[in-house]
């Protein structure tokens, strides 16, 4: 008999772990584009740049280090280089979409 892991199993374990770490866990329809707590305009928008900036600021603040803008740009450039995402728009207002 083969051992197998389903996406559902991984998702359930990950959500439980994140909830134990005090992360807010919500169901997909609650955070879908158009809903009041949504942080994206369309489902293809996979990199939430402002959330990334805020998270990096929080981490760096706890470490006593600033977050240079070039670091965020490097992370986005790497995802773009891999062909995973592409920007729609320009500058800080760009939205990063799944290819």
Foldseek 3Di string as FASTA:
>chain_A
DDDDDDPVNVVVVVQVVVVVVVDDDDDPVCQAAPHPNHQDNHPQQDDSLVVVQVVVCVVCVVVVHHDDPVVSVVVVVVCVVVVQWDWDDDDPPTGIGGD
